[in-house]
Amino acid sequence: MVKCMKLLGNSSRSISPIQKQQLYRCCVLPIALYGFQLWFYNKAPMVYHMKLLNKMQRRAAIWILGAFKTSPSEEIEAIAGIIPIKFHLQKLTKHSLIRPFKLPENHIVRNLMDDSPCRNITSNPHAIGSLTNQ
């Protein structure tokens, strides 16, 4: 997708670097990071995925700035205003961990996640804590 985005900058009335950055953040990143929770956790081997994402982000930063291919990755990402991909994934992970706790008390997901023994009603036999403790 980043390779195809180069076509937008080659026309006679090219888009500005700010518009390129917004296009990358709004269109490319959500598609590239869809389902990252399945492979992004502490003990998973992430080298291959991170290599691909770093390569994608480098290409996007070069496209946004119109920089040379030999430019250092971290510097062009900083100038382009793009968060390093590792930190972006950590931010998304923190947001995804908070999301279930924003649900109402009677939501089915909250009932499945609740492990507290001091609840007044009978505990759910399919709660995550009862499925993992054996």
Protein backbone atom coordinates (compact mmCIF):
# COMPACT_ATOMS: atom_id res chain seq x y z
CA MET A 1 0.00 0.00 0.00
CA VAL A 2 2.86 2.38 0.79
CA LYS A 3 4.36 1.62 -2.62
CA CYS A 4 1.06 2.55 -4.27
CA MET A 5 0.81 5.77 -2.27
CA LYS A 6 3.86 7.06 -4.17
CA LEU A 7 1.56 7.59 -7.16
CA LEU A 8 -0.27 10.32 -5.26
CA GLY A 9 2.89 12.37 -4.89
CA ASN A 10 3.93 12.10 -8.54
CA SER A 11 1.14 14.13 -10.09
CA SER A 12 1.60 17.73 -11.21
CA ARG A 13 -0.39 18.92 -8.18
CA SER A 14 1.16 16.80 -5.49
CA ILE A 15 -0.17 16.59 -1.94
CA SER A 16 1.71 18.29 0.90
CA PRO A 17 3.86 16.39 3.44
CA ILE A 18 1.27 17.03 6.17
CA GLN A 19 -1.44 15.47 4.00
CA LYS A 20 0.87 12.54 3.23
CA GLN A 21 1.47 11.97 6.95
CA GLN A 22 -2.27 12.10 7.70
CA LEU A 23 -2.98 9.70 4.85
CA TYR A 24 -0.39 7.26 6.20
CA ARG A 25 -1.68 7.47 9.79
CA CYS A 26 -5.36 7.22 8.83
CA CYS A 27 -5.26 4.66 6.00
CA VAL A 28 -2.12 2.55 6.12
CA LEU A 29 -1.47 2.04 9.84
CA PRO A 30 -4.96 0.75 10.77
CA ILE A 31 -4.84 -1.80 7.94
CA ALA A 32 -1.27 -2.88 8.67
CA LEU A 33 -1.88 -3.24 12.41
CA TYR A 34 -5.25 -4.94 12.23
CA GLY A 35 -5.17 -7.95 14.55
CA PHE A 36 -1.78 -7.11 16.08
CA GLN A 37 -3.03 -8.32 19.49
CA LEU A 38 -2.76 -11.89 18.18
CA TRP A 39 1.01 -11.74 17.77
CA PHE A 40 2.20 -8.75 19.83
CA TYR A 41 2.77 -9.97 23.38
CA ASN A 42 5.82 -10.46 25.58
CA LYS A 43 6.82 -14.03 24.81
CA ALA A 44 5.96 -14.16 21.11
CA PRO A 45 8.71 -14.12 18.49
CA MET A 46 8.06 -10.74 16.87
CA VAL A 47 11.24 -10.28 14.85
CA TYR A 48 9.68 -11.05 11.47
CA HIS A 49 6.60 -8.89 12.01
CA MET A 50 8.59 -5.98 13.39
CA LYS A 51 11.02 -6.18 10.47
CA LEU A 52 8.15 -5.88 8.00
CA LEU A 53 6.53 -3.04 9.90
CA ASN A 54 9.81 -1.13 10.23
CA LYS A 55 10.40 -1.52 6.50
CA MET A 56 6.89 -0.24 5.77
CA GLN A 57 7.33 2.73 8.10
CA ARG A 58 10.70 3.61 6.57
CA ARG A 59 9.22 3.64 3.08
CA ALA A 60 6.36 5.82 4.27
CA ALA A 61 8.72 8.30 5.96
CA ILE A 62 10.84 8.54 2.82
CA TRP A 63 7.68 9.11 0.77
CA ILE A 64 6.35 11.76 3.15
CA LEU A 65 9.57 13.79 3.14
CA GLY A 66 10.86 12.98 -0.32
CA ALA A 67 14.14 12.00 1.33
CA PHE A 68 16.95 9.90 -0.07
CA LYS A 69 16.85 6.13 0.42
CA THR A 70 20.14 6.27 2.31
CA SER A 71 18.72 8.57 5.03
CA PRO A 72 18.75 7.13 8.57
CA SER A 73 15.39 5.63 9.57
CA GLU A 74 14.96 7.12 13.04
CA GLU A 75 15.78 10.63 11.90
CA ILE A 76 13.40 10.71 8.94
CA GLU A 77 10.62 9.22 11.08
CA ALA A 78 11.15 11.97 13.64
CA ILE A 79 11.18 14.71 11.02
CA ALA A 80 8.10 13.24 9.33
CA GLY A 81 6.29 13.19 12.70
CA ILE A 82 5.74 9.44 12.79
CA ILE A 83 5.93 7.54 16.09
CA PRO A 84 8.35 4.58 15.95
CA ILE A 85 6.34 1.45 15.23
CA LYS A 86 7.34 -0.33 18.46
CA PHE A 87 6.04 2.54 20.58
CA HIS A 88 2.89 2.77 18.49
CA LEU A 89 2.19 -0.92 19.13
CA GLN A 90 2.80 -0.47 22.86
CA LYS A 91 0.35 2.45 22.91
CA LEU A 92 -2.29 0.39 21.10
CA THR A 93 -1.73 -2.50 23.52
CA LYS A 94 -2.32 -0.26 26.53
CA HIS A 95 -5.51 1.09 24.98
CA SER A 96 -6.76 -2.42 24.20
CA LEU A 97 -6.12 -3.53 27.80
CA ILE A 98 -8.14 -0.61 29.17
CA ARG A 99 -11.09 -1.08 26.81
CA PRO A 100 -12.85 -4.00 28.63
CA PHE A 101 -12.86 -2.08 31.91
CA LYS A 102 -14.82 0.76 30.31
CA LEU A 103 -17.74 -1.60 29.67
CA PRO A 104 -20.80 -1.52 31.95
CA GLU A 105 -20.87 -3.86 34.98
CA ASN A 106 -23.50 -6.16 33.45
CA HIS A 107 -21.75 -6.61 30.08
CA ILE A 108 -21.06 -10.22 29.06
CA VAL A 109 -17.34 -9.60 28.50
CA ARG A 110 -16.98 -8.10 31.99
CA ASN A 111 -18.75 -11.15 33.46
CA LEU A 112 -16.35 -13.49 31.67
CA MET A 113 -13.28 -11.53 32.77
CA ASP A 114 -14.32 -11.10 36.41
CA ASP A 115 -12.27 -13.34 38.72
CA SER A 116 -13.14 -11.73 42.05
CA PRO A 117 -14.39 -14.27 44.63
CA CYS A 118 -16.32 -11.64 46.61
CA ARG A 119 -19.18 -11.27 44.12
CA ASN A 120 -22.73 -11.62 45.47
CA ILE A 121 -24.01 -13.68 42.54
CA THR A 122 -22.74 -17.12 41.64
CA SER A 123 -19.57 -17.02 39.61
CA ASN A 124 -19.66 -17.74 35.93
CA PRO A 125 -18.31 -21.26 35.17
CA HIS A 126 -16.91 -19.96 31.87
CA ALA A 127 -14.94 -17.08 33.44
CA ILE A 128 -11.37 -16.78 32.22
CA GLY A 129 -9.93 -17.42 35.67
CA SER A 130 -11.82 -20.72 36.06
CA LEU A 131 -10.73 -21.89 32.62
CA THR A 132 -7.03 -21.31 33.22
CA ASN A 133 -6.76 -22.51 36.86
CA GLN A 134 -6.62 -26.29 37.06
